[in-house]
Amino acid sequence: MKKIEPYRNINDAISNLDNGGRFYNILTKADDGIISKSELGKVGGIFNDKQQMILFLELSISKLDNGKKTLSFLN
């Protein structure tokens, strides 16, 4: 089991989660304002389980203020 350290700063969360995915993910771009499944998979080490990806995203931004949780998740 991997320990998830929640982000406390919105800028750190965006820069780490909006990373462009792996090199073969040609449809995702870094710093485009959208967090895709492939970007979450790169950060969280999760590849095919959508439920675990959502859980990872929710846990990683759980310490942010409610007003700052406007991150996008693309299906």
PDB file of N, CA and C in Angstrom:
ATOM      1  N   MET A   1       0.843  -1.178   0.000  1.00  0.00           N
ATOM      2  CA  MET A   1       0.000   0.000   0.000  1.00  0.00           C
ATOM      3  C   MET A   1       0.886   1.239   0.000  1.00  0.00           C
ATOM      4  N   LYS A   2       0.561   2.180  -0.844  1.00  0.00           N
ATOM      5  CA  LYS A   2       1.333   3.409  -0.973  1.00  0.00           C
ATOM      6  C   LYS A   2       0.725   4.500  -0.089  1.00  0.00           C
ATOM      7  N   LYS A   3       1.575   5.207   0.639  1.00  0.00           N
ATOM      8  CA  LYS A   3       1.103   6.305   1.483  1.00  0.00           C
ATOM      9  C   LYS A   3       0.882   7.537   0.614  1.00  0.00           C
ATOM     10  N   ILE A   4      -0.280   8.131   0.745  1.00  0.00           N
ATOM     11  CA  ILE A   4      -0.624   9.325  -0.021  1.00  0.00           C
ATOM     12  C   ILE A   4      -0.500  10.534   0.888  1.00  0.00           C
ATOM     13  N   GLU A   5       0.360  11.449   0.517  1.00  0.00           N
ATOM     14  CA  GLU A   5       0.557  12.689   1.266  1.00  0.00           C
ATOM     15  C   GLU A   5      -0.280  13.779   0.596  1.00  0.00           C
ATOM     16  N   PRO A   6      -1.340  14.279   1.250  1.00  0.00           N
ATOM     17  CA  PRO A   6      -2.199  15.288   0.628  1.00  0.00           C
ATOM     18  C   PRO A   6      -1.456  16.602   0.380  1.00  0.00           C
ATOM     19  N   TYR A   7      -1.821  17.244  -0.719  1.00  0.00           N
ATOM     20  CA  TYR A   7      -1.253  18.547  -1.041  1.00  0.00           C
ATOM     21  C   TYR A   7      -1.868  19.602  -0.131  1.00  0.00           C
ATOM     22  N   ARG A   8      -1.077  20.545   0.295  1.00  0.00           N
ATOM     23  CA  ARG A   8      -1.571  21.648   1.121  1.00  0.00           C
ATOM     24  C   ARG A   8      -1.569  22.973   0.359  1.00  0.00           C
ATOM     25  N   ASN A   9      -0.937  22.970  -0.799  1.00  0.00           N
ATOM     26  CA  ASN A   9      -0.832  24.166  -1.617  1.00  0.00           C
ATOM     27  C   ASN A   9      -1.418  23.857  -2.995  1.00  0.00           C
ATOM     28  N   ILE A  10      -2.303  24.701  -3.492  1.00  0.00           N
ATOM     29  CA  ILE A  10      -2.953  24.463  -4.775  1.00  0.00           C
ATOM     30  C   ILE A  10      -1.951  24.475  -5.916  1.00  0.00           C
ATOM     31  N   ASN A  11      -0.920  25.302  -5.846  1.00  0.00           N
ATOM     32  CA  ASN A  11       0.072  25.363  -6.921  1.00  0.00           C
ATOM     33  C   ASN A  11       0.866  24.071  -7.023  1.00  0.00           C
ATOM     34  N   ASP A  12       1.212  23.476  -5.894  1.00  0.00           N
ATOM     35  CA  ASP A  12       1.907  22.184  -5.908  1.00  0.00           C
ATOM     36  C   ASP A  12       1.015  21.094  -6.482  1.00  0.00           C
ATOM     37  N   ALA A  13      -0.251  21.111  -6.111  1.00  0.00           N
ATOM     38  CA  ALA A  13      -1.185  20.098  -6.601  1.00  0.00           C
ATOM     39  C   ALA A  13      -1.329  20.191  -8.113  1.00  0.00           C
ATOM     40  N   ILE A  14      -1.512  21.387  -8.623  1.00  0.00           N
ATOM     41  CA  ILE A  14      -1.700  21.552 -10.065  1.00  0.00           C
ATOM     42  C   ILE A  14      -0.435  21.173 -10.823  1.00  0.00           C
ATOM     43  N   SER A  15       0.724  21.596 -10.350  1.00  0.00           N
ATOM     44  CA  SER A  15       1.953  21.284 -11.079  1.00  0.00           C
ATOM     45  C   SER A  15       2.264  19.792 -11.072  1.00  0.00           C
ATOM     46  N   ASN A  16       1.912  19.085 -10.009  1.00  0.00           N
ATOM     47  CA  ASN A  16       2.174  17.646  -9.959  1.00  0.00           C
ATOM     48  C   ASN A  16       1.115  16.822 -10.667  1.00  0.00           C
ATOM     49  N   LEU A  17      -0.144  17.216 -10.559  1.00  0.00           N
ATOM     50  CA  LEU A  17      -1.222  16.418 -11.144  1.00  0.00           C
ATOM     51  C   LEU A  17      -1.431  16.699 -12.634  1.00  0.00           C
ATOM     52  N   ASP A  18      -1.181  17.907 -13.078  1.00  0.00           N
ATOM     53  CA  ASP A  18      -1.338  18.264 -14.496  1.00  0.00           C
ATOM     54  C   ASP A  18       0.022  18.152 -15.175  1.00  0.00           C
ATOM     55  N   ASN A  19       0.497  16.914 -15.354  1.00  0.00           N
ATOM     56  CA  ASN A  19       1.878  16.680 -15.754  1.00  0.00           C
ATOM     57  C   ASN A  19       2.065  16.217 -17.188  1.00  0.00           C
ATOM     58  N   GLY A  20       1.007  15.966 -17.924  1.00  0.00           N
ATOM     59  CA  GLY A  20       1.130  15.523 -19.305  1.00  0.00           C
ATOM     60  C   GLY A  20       1.124  14.019 -19.488  1.00  0.00           C
ATOM     61  N   GLY A  21       1.144  13.261 -18.436  1.00  0.00           N
ATOM     62  CA  GLY A  21       1.131  11.807 -18.540  1.00  0.00           C
ATOM     63  C   GLY A  21       2.475  11.248 -18.970  1.00  0.00           C
ATOM     64  N   ARG A  22       2.461  10.033 -19.424  1.00  0.00           N
ATOM     65  CA  ARG A  22       3.686   9.383 -19.891  1.00  0.00           C
ATOM     66  C   ARG A  22       3.992   9.825 -21.322  1.00  0.00           C
ATOM     67  N   PHE A  23       5.175   9.487 -21.809  1.00  0.00           N
ATOM     68  CA  PHE A  23       5.615   9.967 -23.120  1.00  0.00           C
ATOM     69  C   PHE A  23       4.730   9.462 -24.260  1.00  0.00           C
ATOM     70  N   TYR A  24       4.073   8.330 -24.085  1.00  0.00           N
ATOM     71  CA  TYR A  24       3.237   7.787 -25.150  1.00  0.00           C
ATOM     72  C   TYR A  24       1.807   8.298 -25.111  1.00  0.00           C
ATOM     73  N   ASN A  25       1.468   9.141 -24.151  1.00  0.00           N
ATOM     74  CA  ASN A  25       0.137   9.749 -24.101  1.00  0.00           C
ATOM     75  C   ASN A  25       0.158  11.032 -24.926  1.00  0.00           C
ATOM     76  N   ILE A  26      -0.070  10.877 -26.230  1.00  0.00           N
ATOM     77  CA  ILE A  26       0.067  12.018 -27.139  1.00  0.00           C
ATOM     78  C   ILE A  26      -1.119  12.975 -27.085  1.00  0.00           C
ATOM     79  N   LEU A  27      -2.235  12.546 -26.517  1.00  0.00           N
ATOM     80  CA  LEU A  27      -3.416  13.401 -26.453  1.00  0.00           C
ATOM     81  C   LEU A  27      -3.473  14.266 -25.201  1.00  0.00           C
ATOM     82  N   THR A  28      -2.592  14.025 -24.242  1.00  0.00           N
ATOM     83  CA  THR A  28      -2.581  14.841 -23.022  1.00  0.00           C
ATOM     84  C   THR A  28      -1.423  15.814 -23.079  1.00  0.00           C
ATOM     85  N   LYS A  29      -1.655  16.986 -22.503  1.00  0.00           N
ATOM     86  CA  LYS A  29      -0.622  18.013 -22.482  1.00  0.00           C
ATOM     87  C   LYS A  29      -0.446  18.510 -21.050  1.00  0.00           C
ATOM     88  N   ALA A  30       0.768  18.813 -20.692  1.00  0.00           N
ATOM     89  CA  ALA A  30       1.046  19.357 -19.361  1.00  0.00           C
ATOM     90  C   ALA A  30       0.560  20.798 -19.286  1.00  0.00           C
ATOM     91  N   ASP A  31       0.134  21.187 -18.116  1.00  0.00           N
ATOM     92  CA  ASP A  31      -0.293  22.562 -17.826  1.00  0.00           C
ATOM     93  C   ASP A  31      -1.428  23.049 -18.728  1.00  0.00           C
ATOM     94  N   ASP A  32      -2.362  22.156 -19.057  1.00  0.00           N
ATOM     95  CA  ASP A  32      -3.507  22.570 -19.863  1.00  0.00           C
ATOM     96  C   ASP A  32      -4.755  22.824 -19.019  1.00  0.00           C
ATOM     97  N   GLY A  33      -4.650  22.623 -17.701  1.00  0.00           N
ATOM     98  CA  GLY A  33      -5.770  22.877 -16.804  1.00  0.00           C
ATOM     99  C   GLY A  33      -6.715  21.703 -16.640  1.00  0.00           C
ATOM    100  N   ILE A  34      -6.426  20.583 -17.308  1.00  0.00           N
ATOM    101  CA  ILE A  34      -7.267  19.383 -17.220  1.00  0.00           C
ATOM    102  C   ILE A  34      -6.415  18.234 -16.712  1.00  0.00           C
ATOM    103  N   ILE A  35      -6.915  17.539 -15.705  1.00  0.00           N
ATOM    104  CA  ILE A  35      -6.207  16.377 -15.165  1.00  0.00           C
ATOM    105  C   ILE A  35      -6.859  15.139 -15.755  1.00  0.00           C
ATOM    106  N   SER A  36      -6.147  14.451 -16.614  1.00  0.00           N
ATOM    107  CA  SER A  36      -6.695  13.275 -17.286  1.00  0.00           C
ATOM    108  C   SER A  36      -6.354  12.001 -16.522  1.00  0.00           C
ATOM    109  N   LYS A  37      -6.936  10.887 -16.974  1.00  0.00           N
ATOM    110  CA  LYS A  37      -6.667   9.596 -16.337  1.00  0.00           C
ATOM    111  C   LYS A  37      -5.200   9.225 -16.466  1.00  0.00           C
ATOM    112  N   SER A  38      -4.601   9.501 -17.592  1.00  0.00           N
ATOM    113  CA  SER A  38      -3.198   9.133 -17.781  1.00  0.00           C
ATOM    114  C   SER A  38      -2.281   9.956 -16.882  1.00  0.00           C
ATOM    115  N   GLU A  39      -2.635  11.208 -16.616  1.00  0.00           N
ATOM    116  CA  GLU A  39      -1.842  12.032 -15.710  1.00  0.00           C
ATOM    117  C   GLU A  39      -1.955  11.529 -14.271  1.00  0.00           C
ATOM    118  N   LEU A  40      -3.158  11.138 -13.866  1.00  0.00           N
ATOM    119  CA  LEU A  40      -3.341  10.564 -12.533  1.00  0.00           C
ATOM    120  C   LEU A  40      -2.605   9.238 -12.409  1.00  0.00           C
ATOM    121  N   GLY A  41      -2.639   8.461 -13.482  1.00  0.00           N
ATOM    122  CA  GLY A  41      -1.942   7.183 -13.476  1.00  0.00           C
ATOM    123  C   GLY A  41      -0.449   7.337 -13.300  1.00  0.00           C
ATOM    124  N   LYS A  42       0.113   8.377 -13.886  1.00  0.00           N
ATOM    125  CA  LYS A  42       1.553   8.619 -13.759  1.00  0.00           C
ATOM    126  C   LYS A  42       1.918   8.992 -12.331  1.00  0.00           C
ATOM    127  N   VAL A  43       1.156   9.866 -11.728  1.00  0.00           N
ATOM    128  CA  VAL A  43       1.459  10.326 -10.367  1.00  0.00           C
ATOM    129  C   VAL A  43       1.142   9.251  -9.329  1.00  0.00           C
ATOM    130  N   GLY A  44      -0.011   8.615  -9.474  1.00  0.00           N
ATOM    131  CA  GLY A  44      -0.460   7.653  -8.470  1.00  0.00           C
ATOM    132  C   GLY A  44       0.036   6.238  -8.672  1.00  0.00           C
ATOM    133  N   GLY A  45       0.606   5.957  -9.829  1.00  0.00           N
ATOM    134  CA  GLY A  45       1.053   4.599 -10.102  1.00  0.00           C
ATOM    135  C   GLY A  45      -0.101   3.637 -10.360  1.00  0.00           C
ATOM    136  N   ILE A  46      -1.227   4.178 -10.805  1.00  0.00           N
ATOM    137  CA  ILE A  46      -2.432   3.386 -11.075  1.00  0.00           C
ATOM    138  C   ILE A  46      -2.688   3.465 -12.580  1.00  0.00           C
ATOM    139  N   PHE A  47      -3.010   2.335 -13.197  1.00  0.00           N
ATOM    140  CA  PHE A  47      -3.126   2.361 -14.642  1.00  0.00           C
ATOM    141  C   PHE A  47      -4.530   2.074 -15.170  1.00  0.00           C
ATOM    142  N   ASN A  48      -5.241   1.114 -14.630  1.00  0.00           N
ATOM    143  CA  ASN A  48      -6.511   0.721 -15.225  1.00  0.00           C
ATOM    144  C   ASN A  48      -7.720   0.855 -14.319  1.00  0.00           C
ATOM    145  N   ASP A  49      -7.539   1.093 -13.061  1.00  0.00           N
ATOM    146  CA  ASP A  49      -8.659   1.106 -12.122  1.00  0.00           C
ATOM    147  C   ASP A  49      -9.129   2.546 -11.899  1.00  0.00           C
ATOM    148  N   LYS A  50     -10.241   2.898 -12.546  1.00  0.00           N
ATOM    149  CA  LYS A  50     -10.775   4.257 -12.466  1.00  0.00           C
ATOM    150  C   LYS A  50     -11.191   4.617 -11.037  1.00  0.00           C
ATOM    151  N   GLN A  51     -11.715   3.647 -10.310  1.00  0.00           N
ATOM    152  CA  GLN A  51     -12.150   3.889  -8.937  1.00  0.00           C
ATOM    153  C   GLN A  51     -10.955   4.257  -8.048  1.00  0.00           C
ATOM    154  N   GLN A  52      -9.838   3.575  -8.212  1.00  0.00           N
ATOM    155  CA  GLN A  52      -8.639   3.911  -7.436  1.00  0.00           C
ATOM    156  C   GLN A  52      -8.077   5.268  -7.838  1.00  0.00           C
ATOM    157  N   MET A  53      -8.196   5.624  -9.115  1.00  0.00           N
ATOM    158  CA  MET A  53      -7.729   6.941  -9.568  1.00  0.00           C
ATOM    159  C   MET A  53      -8.526   8.060  -8.916  1.00  0.00           C
ATOM    160  N   ILE A  54      -9.850   7.896  -8.852  1.00  0.00           N
ATOM    161  CA  ILE A  54     -10.703   8.900  -8.207  1.00  0.00           C
ATOM    162  C   ILE A  54     -10.381   8.996  -6.722  1.00  0.00           C
ATOM    163  N   LEU A  55     -10.197   7.852  -6.091  1.00  0.00           N
ATOM    164  CA  LEU A  55      -9.840   7.839  -4.673  1.00  0.00           C
ATOM    165  C   LEU A  55      -8.499   8.529  -4.443  1.00  0.00           C
ATOM    166  N   PHE A  56      -7.513   8.256  -5.305  1.00  0.00           N
ATOM    167  CA  PHE A  56      -6.212   8.915  -5.193  1.00  0.00           C
ATOM    168  C   PHE A  56      -6.355  10.426  -5.334  1.00  0.00           C
ATOM    169  N   LEU A  57      -7.141  10.874  -6.323  1.00  0.00           N
ATOM    170  CA  LEU A  57      -7.342  12.314  -6.532  1.00  0.00           C
ATOM    171  C   LEU A  57      -8.012  12.944  -5.318  1.00  0.00           C
ATOM    172  N   GLU A  58      -9.062  12.324  -4.819  1.00  0.00           N
ATOM    173  CA  GLU A  58      -9.778  12.873  -3.664  1.00  0.00           C
ATOM    174  C   GLU A  58      -8.894  12.934  -2.418  1.00  0.00           C
ATOM    175  N   LEU A  59      -8.113  11.903  -2.185  1.00  0.00           N
ATOM    176  CA  LEU A  59      -7.224  11.906  -1.024  1.00  0.00           C
ATOM    177  C   LEU A  59      -6.099  12.919  -1.179  1.00  0.00           C
ATOM    178  N   SER A  60      -5.578  13.065  -2.385  1.00  0.00           N
ATOM    179  CA  SER A  60      -4.453  13.970  -2.574  1.00  0.00           C
ATOM    180  C   SER A  60      -4.848  15.442  -2.461  1.00  0.00           C
ATOM    181  N   ILE A  61      -6.112  15.775  -2.728  1.00  0.00           N
ATOM    182  CA  ILE A  61      -6.538  17.175  -2.594  1.00  0.00           C
ATOM    183  C   ILE A  61      -7.420  17.390  -1.367  1.00  0.00           C
ATOM    184  N   SER A  62      -7.472  16.432  -0.471  1.00  0.00           N
ATOM    185  CA  SER A  62      -8.371  16.517   0.682  1.00  0.00           C
ATOM    186  C   SER A  62      -7.997  17.620   1.672  1.00  0.00           C
ATOM    187  N   LYS A  63      -6.754  18.049   1.723  1.00  0.00           N
ATOM    188  CA  LYS A  63      -6.335  19.089   2.668  1.00  0.00           C
ATOM    189  C   LYS A  63      -6.438  20.496   2.096  1.00  0.00           C
ATOM    190  N   LEU A  64      -6.830  20.630   0.827  1.00  0.00           N
ATOM    191  CA  LEU A  64      -7.000  21.951   0.231  1.00  0.00           C
ATOM    192  C   LEU A  64      -8.314  22.568   0.691  1.00  0.00           C
ATOM    193  N   ASP A  65      -8.406  23.889   0.618  1.00  0.00           N
ATOM    194  CA  ASP A  65      -9.658  24.560   0.934  1.00  0.00           C
ATOM    195  C   ASP A  65     -10.729  24.150  -0.059  1.00  0.00           C
ATOM    196  N   ASN A  66     -11.989  24.158   0.351  1.00  0.00           N
ATOM    197  CA  ASN A  66     -13.080  23.754  -0.530  1.00  0.00           C
ATOM    198  C   ASN A  66     -13.189  24.638  -1.761  1.00  0.00           C
ATOM    199  N   GLY A  67     -12.885  25.907  -1.641  1.00  0.00           N
ATOM    200  CA  GLY A  67     -12.922  26.817  -2.779  1.00  0.00           C
ATOM    201  C   GLY A  67     -11.832  26.555  -3.788  1.00  0.00           C
ATOM    202  N   LYS A  68     -10.780  25.888  -3.385  1.00  0.00           N
ATOM    203  CA  LYS A  68      -9.657  25.636  -4.284  1.00  0.00           C
ATOM    204  C   LYS A  68      -9.711  24.276  -4.949  1.00  0.00           C
ATOM    205  N   LYS A  69     -10.745  23.506  -4.685  1.00  0.00           N
ATOM    206  CA  LYS A  69     -10.860  22.173  -5.265  1.00  0.00           C
ATOM    207  C   LYS A  69     -11.588  22.222  -6.604  1.00  0.00           C
ATOM    208  N   THR A  70     -11.162  23.098  -7.476  1.00  0.00           N
ATOM    209  CA  THR A  70     -11.810  23.240  -8.782  1.00  0.00           C
ATOM    210  C   THR A  70     -10.992  22.565  -9.865  1.00  0.00           C
ATOM    211  N   LEU A  71     -10.271  21.523  -9.504  1.00  0.00           N
ATOM    212  CA  LEU A  71      -9.476  20.797 -10.479  1.00  0.00           C
ATOM    213  C   LEU A  71     -10.389  19.958 -11.358  1.00  0.00           C
ATOM    214  N   SER A  72     -10.072  19.839 -12.610  1.00  0.00           N
ATOM    215  CA  SER A  72     -10.899  19.089 -13.552  1.00  0.00           C
ATOM    216  C   SER A  72     -10.417  17.663 -13.677  1.00  0.00           C
ATOM    217  N   PHE A  73     -11.342  16.769 -13.959  1.00  0.00           N
ATOM    218  CA  PHE A  73     -11.000  15.370 -14.205  1.00  0.00           C
ATOM    219  C   PHE A  73     -11.678  14.955 -15.492  1.00  0.00           C
ATOM    220  N   LEU A  74     -10.894  14.546 -16.453  1.00  0.00           N
ATOM    221  CA  LEU A  74     -11.404  14.164 -17.754  1.00  0.00           C
ATOM    222  C   LEU A  74     -11.632  12.667 -17.815  1.00  0.00           C
ATOM    223  N   ASN A  75     -12.785  12.211 -18.280  1.00  0.00           N
ATOM    224  CA  ASN A  75     -13.084  10.773 -18.374  1.00  0.00           C
ATOM    225  C   ASN A  75     -12.243  10.125 -19.413  1.00  0.00           C
TER     226      ASN A  75
END
